[in-house]
Amino acid sequence: MQEQIASKKQTTLAAIPEECRESLDCIGAGLDRVMALLEVESECSEACHGIRCLVGMIKAKLEQTAGELCPRE
């Protein structure tokens, strides 16, 4: 079973194009900008603070997944 999972993971990694990492980095940079704006607004709004926390968790998951799918060499 473990061998099948490892084989599928290697096949998936081989199928991911080089541009994938660049695209994921651009998405991460966009999320950074959104978080910066929400940080300013969160001083006045509790809801903005909550949204900023949510976006931060999404960004962390994106970076984790990007690292697994497209490791930096």
PDB file of N, CA and C in Angstrom:
ATOM      1  N   MET A   1       0.823  -1.198   0.000  1.00  0.00           N
ATOM      2  CA  MET A   1       0.000   0.000   0.000  1.00  0.00           C
ATOM      3  C   MET A   1       0.866   1.260   0.000  1.00  0.00           C
ATOM      4  N   GLN A   2       1.875   1.276   0.893  1.00  0.00           N
ATOM      5  CA  GLN A   2       2.774   2.428   0.965  1.00  0.00           C
ATOM      6  C   GLN A   2       3.518   2.632  -0.350  1.00  0.00           C
ATOM      7  N   GLU A   3       3.883   1.526  -1.009  1.00  0.00           N
ATOM      8  CA  GLU A   3       4.591   1.618  -2.283  1.00  0.00           C
ATOM      9  C   GLU A   3       3.706   2.262  -3.354  1.00  0.00           C
ATOM     10  N   GLN A   4       2.416   1.932  -3.341  1.00  0.00           N
ATOM     11  CA  GLN A   4       1.484   2.518  -4.302  1.00  0.00           C
ATOM     12  C   GLN A   4       1.358   4.017  -4.072  1.00  0.00           C
ATOM     13  N   ILE A   5       1.279   4.431  -2.814  1.00  0.00           N
ATOM     14  CA  ILE A   5       1.167   5.852  -2.487  1.00  0.00           C
ATOM     15  C   ILE A   5       2.426   6.580  -2.921  1.00  0.00           C
ATOM     16  N   ALA A   6       3.589   6.025  -2.638  1.00  0.00           N
ATOM     17  CA  ALA A   6       4.850   6.653  -3.035  1.00  0.00           C
ATOM     18  C   ALA A   6       4.947   6.750  -4.551  1.00  0.00           C
ATOM     19  N   SER A   7       4.524   5.719  -5.253  1.00  0.00           N
ATOM     20  CA  SER A   7       4.558   5.722  -6.710  1.00  0.00           C
ATOM     21  C   SER A   7       3.635   6.788  -7.283  1.00  0.00           C
ATOM     22  N   LYS A   8       2.424   6.918  -6.732  1.00  0.00           N
ATOM     23  CA  LYS A   8       1.483   7.935  -7.193  1.00  0.00           C
ATOM     24  C   LYS A   8       2.033   9.334  -6.942  1.00  0.00           C
ATOM     25  N   LYS A   9       2.683   9.526  -5.786  1.00  0.00           N
ATOM     26  CA  LYS A   9       3.243  10.831  -5.451  1.00  0.00           C
ATOM     27  C   LYS A   9       4.352  11.196  -6.426  1.00  0.00           C
ATOM     28  N   GLN A  10       5.223  10.252  -6.765  1.00  0.00           N
ATOM     29  CA  GLN A  10       6.293  10.514  -7.721  1.00  0.00           C
ATOM     30  C   GLN A  10       5.728  10.831  -9.095  1.00  0.00           C
ATOM     31  N   THR A  11       4.688  10.118  -9.505  1.00  0.00           N
ATOM     32  CA  THR A  11       4.053  10.377 -10.794  1.00  0.00           C
ATOM     33  C   THR A  11       3.447  11.775 -10.810  1.00  0.00           C
ATOM     34  N   THR A  12       2.796  12.158  -9.722  1.00  0.00           N
ATOM     35  CA  THR A  12       2.205  13.489  -9.625  1.00  0.00           C
ATOM     36  C   THR A  12       3.277  14.555  -9.698  1.00  0.00           C
ATOM     37  N   LEU A  13       4.368  14.393  -8.953  1.00  0.00           N
ATOM     38  CA  LEU A  13       5.437  15.380  -8.957  1.00  0.00           C
ATOM     39  C   LEU A  13       6.062  15.514 -10.335  1.00  0.00           C
ATOM     40  N   ALA A  14       6.187  14.432 -11.065  1.00  0.00           N
ATOM     41  CA  ALA A  14       6.769  14.483 -12.396  1.00  0.00           C
ATOM     42  C   ALA A  14       5.864  15.215 -13.379  1.00  0.00           C
ATOM     43  N   ALA A  15       4.570  15.234 -13.115  1.00  0.00           N
ATOM     44  CA  ALA A  15       3.610  15.844 -14.034  1.00  0.00           C
ATOM     45  C   ALA A  15       3.440  17.351 -13.808  1.00  0.00           C
ATOM     46  N   ILE A  16       4.021  17.894 -12.753  1.00  0.00           N
ATOM     47  CA  ILE A  16       3.843  19.311 -12.442  1.00  0.00           C
ATOM     48  C   ILE A  16       4.860  20.134 -13.228  1.00  0.00           C
ATOM     49  N   PRO A  17       4.396  21.091 -14.018  1.00  0.00           N
ATOM     50  CA  PRO A  17       5.326  21.893 -14.821  1.00  0.00           C
ATOM     51  C   PRO A  17       6.155  22.850 -13.964  1.00  0.00           C
ATOM     52  N   GLU A  18       7.270  23.279 -14.519  1.00  0.00           N
ATOM     53  CA  GLU A  18       8.183  24.204 -13.839  1.00  0.00           C
ATOM     54  C   GLU A  18       7.482  25.505 -13.455  1.00  0.00           C
ATOM     55  N   GLU A  19       6.562  25.972 -14.278  1.00  0.00           N
ATOM     56  CA  GLU A  19       5.889  27.244 -14.039  1.00  0.00           C
ATOM     57  C   GLU A  19       4.960  27.198 -12.840  1.00  0.00           C
ATOM     58  N   CYS A  20       4.682  26.011 -12.361  1.00  0.00           N
ATOM     59  CA  CYS A  20       3.765  25.851 -11.226  1.00  0.00           C
ATOM     60  C   CYS A  20       4.274  26.626 -10.014  1.00  0.00           C
ATOM     61  N   ARG A  21       5.566  26.505  -9.710  1.00  0.00           N
ATOM     62  CA  ARG A  21       6.121  27.178  -8.530  1.00  0.00           C
ATOM     63  C   ARG A  21       5.998  28.689  -8.672  1.00  0.00           C
ATOM     64  N   GLU A  22       6.258  29.215  -9.864  1.00  0.00           N
ATOM     65  CA  GLU A  22       6.136  30.655 -10.093  1.00  0.00           C
ATOM     66  C   GLU A  22       4.702  31.120  -9.865  1.00  0.00           C
ATOM     67  N   SER A  23       3.751  30.352 -10.348  1.00  0.00           N
ATOM     68  CA  SER A  23       2.346  30.706 -10.165  1.00  0.00           C
ATOM     69  C   SER A  23       1.965  30.693  -8.686  1.00  0.00           C
ATOM     70  N   LEU A  24       2.414  29.676  -7.971  1.00  0.00           N
ATOM     71  CA  LEU A  24       2.117  29.588  -6.540  1.00  0.00           C
ATOM     72  C   LEU A  24       2.784  30.728  -5.775  1.00  0.00           C
ATOM     73  N   ASP A  25       3.990  31.118  -6.194  1.00  0.00           N
ATOM     74  CA  ASP A  25       4.660  32.253  -5.558  1.00  0.00           C
ATOM     75  C   ASP A  25       3.888  33.551  -5.794  1.00  0.00           C
ATOM     76  N   CYS A  26       3.338  33.726  -6.995  1.00  0.00           N
ATOM     77  CA  CYS A  26       2.538  34.925  -7.298  1.00  0.00           C
ATOM     78  C   CYS A  26       1.266  34.958  -6.453  1.00  0.00           C
ATOM     79  N   ILE A  27       0.637  33.813  -6.291  1.00  0.00           N
ATOM     80  CA  ILE A  27      -0.559  33.743  -5.451  1.00  0.00           C
ATOM     81  C   ILE A  27      -0.199  34.088  -4.008  1.00  0.00           C
ATOM     82  N   GLY A  28       0.914  33.550  -3.531  1.00  0.00           N
ATOM     83  CA  GLY A  28       1.370  33.858  -2.179  1.00  0.00           C
ATOM     84  C   GLY A  28       1.659  35.340  -1.995  1.00  0.00           C
ATOM     85  N   ALA A  29       2.276  35.958  -2.996  1.00  0.00           N
ATOM     86  CA  ALA A  29       2.557  37.396  -2.923  1.00  0.00           C
ATOM     87  C   ALA A  29       1.254  38.193  -2.887  1.00  0.00           C
ATOM     88  N   GLY A  30       0.271  37.779  -3.659  1.00  0.00           N
ATOM     89  CA  GLY A  30      -1.028  38.449  -3.633  1.00  0.00           C
ATOM     90  C   GLY A  30      -1.690  38.328  -2.267  1.00  0.00           C
ATOM     91  N   LEU A  31      -1.579  37.161  -1.664  1.00  0.00           N
ATOM     92  CA  LEU A  31      -2.144  36.973  -0.330  1.00  0.00           C
ATOM     93  C   LEU A  31      -1.417  37.847   0.696  1.00  0.00           C
ATOM     94  N   ASP A  32      -0.110  38.032   0.513  1.00  0.00           N
ATOM     95  CA  ASP A  32       0.637  38.934   1.398  1.00  0.00           C
ATOM     96  C   ASP A  32       0.080  40.353   1.320  1.00  0.00           C
ATOM     97  N   ARG A  33      -0.236  40.809   0.115  1.00  0.00           N
ATOM     98  CA  ARG A  33      -0.788  42.164  -0.072  1.00  0.00           C
ATOM     99  C   ARG A  33      -2.145  42.296   0.596  1.00  0.00           C
ATOM    100  N   VAL A  34      -2.969  41.265   0.417  1.00  0.00           N
ATOM    101  CA  VAL A  34      -4.292  41.264   1.046  1.00  0.00           C
ATOM    102  C   VAL A  34      -4.151  41.311   2.564  1.00  0.00           C
ATOM    103  N   MET A  35      -3.218  40.524   3.085  1.00  0.00           N
ATOM    104  CA  MET A  35      -3.010  40.512   4.536  1.00  0.00           C
ATOM    105  C   MET A  35      -2.511  41.868   5.044  1.00  0.00           C
ATOM    106  N   ALA A  36      -1.673  42.542   4.262  1.00  0.00           N
ATOM    107  CA  ALA A  36      -1.192  43.866   4.670  1.00  0.00           C
ATOM    108  C   ALA A  36      -2.348  44.856   4.749  1.00  0.00           C
ATOM    109  N   LEU A  37      -3.228  44.813   3.763  1.00  0.00           N
ATOM    110  CA  LEU A  37      -4.396  45.694   3.785  1.00  0.00           C
ATOM    111  C   LEU A  37      -5.318  45.369   4.964  1.00  0.00           C
ATOM    112  N   LEU A  38      -5.518  44.097   5.197  1.00  0.00           N
ATOM    113  CA  LEU A  38      -6.378  43.689   6.309  1.00  0.00           C
ATOM    114  C   LEU A  38      -5.760  44.058   7.658  1.00  0.00           C
ATOM    115  N   GLU A  39      -4.445  44.044   7.732  1.00  0.00           N
ATOM    116  CA  GLU A  39      -3.791  44.435   8.982  1.00  0.00           C
ATOM    117  C   GLU A  39      -4.100  45.890   9.331  1.00  0.00           C
ATOM    118  N   VAL A  40      -4.041  46.758   8.329  1.00  0.00           N
ATOM    119  CA  VAL A  40      -4.370  48.170   8.546  1.00  0.00           C
ATOM    120  C   VAL A  40      -5.824  48.320   8.960  1.00  0.00           C
ATOM    121  N   GLU A  41      -6.707  47.631   8.260  1.00  0.00           N
ATOM    122  CA  GLU A  41      -8.135  47.739   8.540  1.00  0.00           C
ATOM    123  C   GLU A  41      -8.531  47.064   9.847  1.00  0.00           C
ATOM    124  N   SER A  42      -7.736  46.064  10.270  1.00  0.00           N
ATOM    125  CA  SER A  42      -8.105  45.330  11.483  1.00  0.00           C
ATOM    126  C   SER A  42      -7.979  46.186  12.739  1.00  0.00           C
ATOM    127  N   GLU A  43      -7.267  47.298  12.638  1.00  0.00           N
ATOM    128  CA  GLU A  43      -7.192  48.214  13.774  1.00  0.00           C
ATOM    129  C   GLU A  43      -8.553  48.832  14.077  1.00  0.00           C
ATOM    130  N   CYS A  44      -9.385  48.926  13.049  1.00  0.00           N
ATOM    131  CA  CYS A  44     -10.711  49.529  13.202  1.00  0.00           C
ATOM    132  C   CYS A  44     -11.839  48.502  13.212  1.00  0.00           C
ATOM    133  N   SER A  45     -11.549  47.288  12.780  1.00  0.00           N
ATOM    134  CA  SER A  45     -12.627  46.314  12.606  1.00  0.00           C
ATOM    135  C   SER A  45     -12.211  44.930  13.095  1.00  0.00           C
ATOM    136  N   GLU A  46     -12.995  44.398  13.993  1.00  0.00           N
ATOM    137  CA  GLU A  46     -12.771  43.037  14.506  1.00  0.00           C
ATOM    138  C   GLU A  46     -12.933  42.010  13.385  1.00  0.00           C
ATOM    139  N   ALA A  47     -13.879  42.258  12.486  1.00  0.00           N
ATOM    140  CA  ALA A  47     -14.114  41.335  11.371  1.00  0.00           C
ATOM    141  C   ALA A  47     -12.889  41.252  10.463  1.00  0.00           C
ATOM    142  N   CYS A  48     -12.237  42.370  10.208  1.00  0.00           N
ATOM    143  CA  CYS A  48     -11.035  42.374   9.366  1.00  0.00           C
ATOM    144  C   CYS A  48      -9.916  41.568  10.025  1.00  0.00           C
ATOM    145  N   HIS A  49      -9.839  41.633  11.338  1.00  0.00           N
ATOM    146  CA  HIS A  49      -8.827  40.850  12.043  1.00  0.00           C
ATOM    147  C   HIS A  49      -9.089  39.357  11.843  1.00  0.00           C
ATOM    148  N   GLY A  50     -10.339  38.956  11.961  1.00  0.00           N
ATOM    149  CA  GLY A  50     -10.698  37.552  11.757  1.00  0.00           C
ATOM    150  C   GLY A  50     -10.402  37.098  10.339  1.00  0.00           C
ATOM    151  N   ILE A  51     -10.717  37.935   9.373  1.00  0.00           N
ATOM    152  CA  ILE A  51     -10.451  37.598   7.970  1.00  0.00           C
ATOM    153  C   ILE A  51      -8.952  37.495   7.735  1.00  0.00           C
ATOM    154  N   ARG A  52      -8.188  38.404   8.339  1.00  0.00           N
ATOM    155  CA  ARG A  52      -6.726  38.373   8.194  1.00  0.00           C
ATOM    156  C   ARG A  52      -6.172  37.057   8.737  1.00  0.00           C
ATOM    157  N   CYS A  53      -6.677  36.610   9.865  1.00  0.00           N
ATOM    158  CA  CYS A  53      -6.241  35.329  10.432  1.00  0.00           C
ATOM    159  C   CYS A  53      -6.570  34.173   9.488  1.00  0.00           C
ATOM    160  N   LEU A  54      -7.761  34.195   8.906  1.00  0.00           N
ATOM    161  CA  LEU A  54      -8.172  33.155   7.964  1.00  0.00           C
ATOM    162  C   LEU A  54      -7.274  33.155   6.734  1.00  0.00           C
ATOM    163  N   VAL A  55      -7.016  34.328   6.170  1.00  0.00           N
ATOM    164  CA  VAL A  55      -6.146  34.428   4.995  1.00  0.00           C
ATOM    165  C   VAL A  55      -4.738  33.937   5.343  1.00  0.00           C
ATOM    166  N   GLY A  56      -4.283  34.222   6.549  1.00  0.00           N
ATOM    167  CA  GLY A  56      -2.976  33.739   6.988  1.00  0.00           C
ATOM    168  C   GLY A  56      -2.908  32.216   7.018  1.00  0.00           C
ATOM    169  N   MET A  57      -3.965  31.582   7.493  1.00  0.00           N
ATOM    170  CA  MET A  57      -4.011  30.120   7.512  1.00  0.00           C
ATOM    171  C   MET A  57      -4.040  29.555   6.094  1.00  0.00           C
ATOM    172  N   ILE A  58      -4.791  30.201   5.208  1.00  0.00           N
ATOM    173  CA  ILE A  58      -4.851  29.759   3.811  1.00  0.00           C
ATOM    174  C   ILE A  58      -3.472  29.875   3.170  1.00  0.00           C
ATOM    175  N   LYS A  59      -2.788  30.990   3.423  1.00  0.00           N
ATOM    176  CA  LYS A  59      -1.455  31.199   2.859  1.00  0.00           C
ATOM    177  C   LYS A  59      -0.471  30.155   3.386  1.00  0.00           C
ATOM    178  N   ALA A  60      -0.540  29.845   4.662  1.00  0.00           N
ATOM    179  CA  ALA A  60       0.351  28.832   5.240  1.00  0.00           C
ATOM    180  C   ALA A  60       0.119  27.475   4.581  1.00  0.00           C
ATOM    181  N   LYS A  61      -1.136  27.119   4.356  1.00  0.00           N
ATOM    182  CA  LYS A  61      -1.457  25.848   3.708  1.00  0.00           C
ATOM    183  C   LYS A  61      -0.978  25.851   2.259  1.00  0.00           C
ATOM    184  N   LEU A  62      -1.136  26.980   1.573  1.00  0.00           N
ATOM    185  CA  LEU A  62      -0.654  27.109   0.196  1.00  0.00           C
ATOM    186  C   LEU A  62       0.854  26.891   0.154  1.00  0.00           C
ATOM    187  N   GLU A  63       1.591  27.518   1.062  1.00  0.00           N
ATOM    188  CA  GLU A  63       3.045  27.382   1.084  1.00  0.00           C
ATOM    189  C   GLU A  63       3.462  25.947   1.407  1.00  0.00           C
ATOM    190  N   GLN A  64       2.743  25.301   2.316  1.00  0.00           N
ATOM    191  CA  GLN A  64       3.045  23.910   2.649  1.00  0.00           C
ATOM    192  C   GLN A  64       2.834  23.010   1.435  1.00  0.00           C
ATOM    193  N   THR A  65       1.704  23.184   0.783  1.00  0.00           N
ATOM    194  CA  THR A  65       1.389  22.371  -0.385  1.00  0.00           C
ATOM    195  C   THR A  65       2.360  22.648  -1.519  1.00  0.00           C
ATOM    196  N   ALA A  66       2.698  23.920  -1.724  1.00  0.00           N
ATOM    197  CA  ALA A  66       3.655  24.284  -2.766  1.00  0.00           C
ATOM    198  C   ALA A  66       5.009  23.628  -2.497  1.00  0.00           C
ATOM    199  N   GLY A  67       5.407  23.610  -1.243  1.00  0.00           N
ATOM    200  CA  GLY A  67       6.679  22.981  -0.892  1.00  0.00           C
ATOM    201  C   GLY A  67       6.679  21.489  -1.152  1.00  0.00           C
ATOM    202  N   GLU A  68       5.539  20.857  -0.975  1.00  0.00           N
ATOM    203  CA  GLU A  68       5.427  19.420  -1.239  1.00  0.00           C
ATOM    204  C   GLU A  68       5.378  19.118  -2.736  1.00  0.00           C
ATOM    205  N   LEU A  69       4.622  19.938  -3.474  1.00  0.00           N
ATOM    206  CA  LEU A  69       4.446  19.694  -4.903  1.00  0.00           C
ATOM    207  C   LEU A  69       5.622  20.179  -5.742  1.00  0.00           C
ATOM    208  N   CYS A  70       6.168  21.320  -5.358  1.00  0.00           N
ATOM    209  CA  CYS A  70       7.238  21.949  -6.138  1.00  0.00           C
ATOM    210  C   CYS A  70       8.381  22.342  -5.203  1.00  0.00           C
ATOM    211  N   PRO A  71       9.138  21.371  -4.710  1.00  0.00           N
ATOM    212  CA  PRO A  71      10.211  21.719  -3.767  1.00  0.00           C
ATOM    213  C   PRO A  71      11.263  22.607  -4.417  1.00  0.00           C
ATOM    214  N   ARG A  72      11.784  23.526  -3.646  1.00  0.00           N
ATOM    215  CA  ARG A  72      12.861  24.390  -4.143  1.00  0.00           C
ATOM    216  C   ARG A  72      14.149  23.574  -4.174  1.00  0.00           C
ATOM    217  N   GLU A  73      14.922  23.809  -5.208  1.00  0.00           N
ATOM    218  CA  GLU A  73      16.160  23.050  -5.334  1.00  0.00           C
ATOM    219  C   GLU A  73      17.346  23.874  -4.954  1.00  0.00           C
TER     220      GLU A  73
END
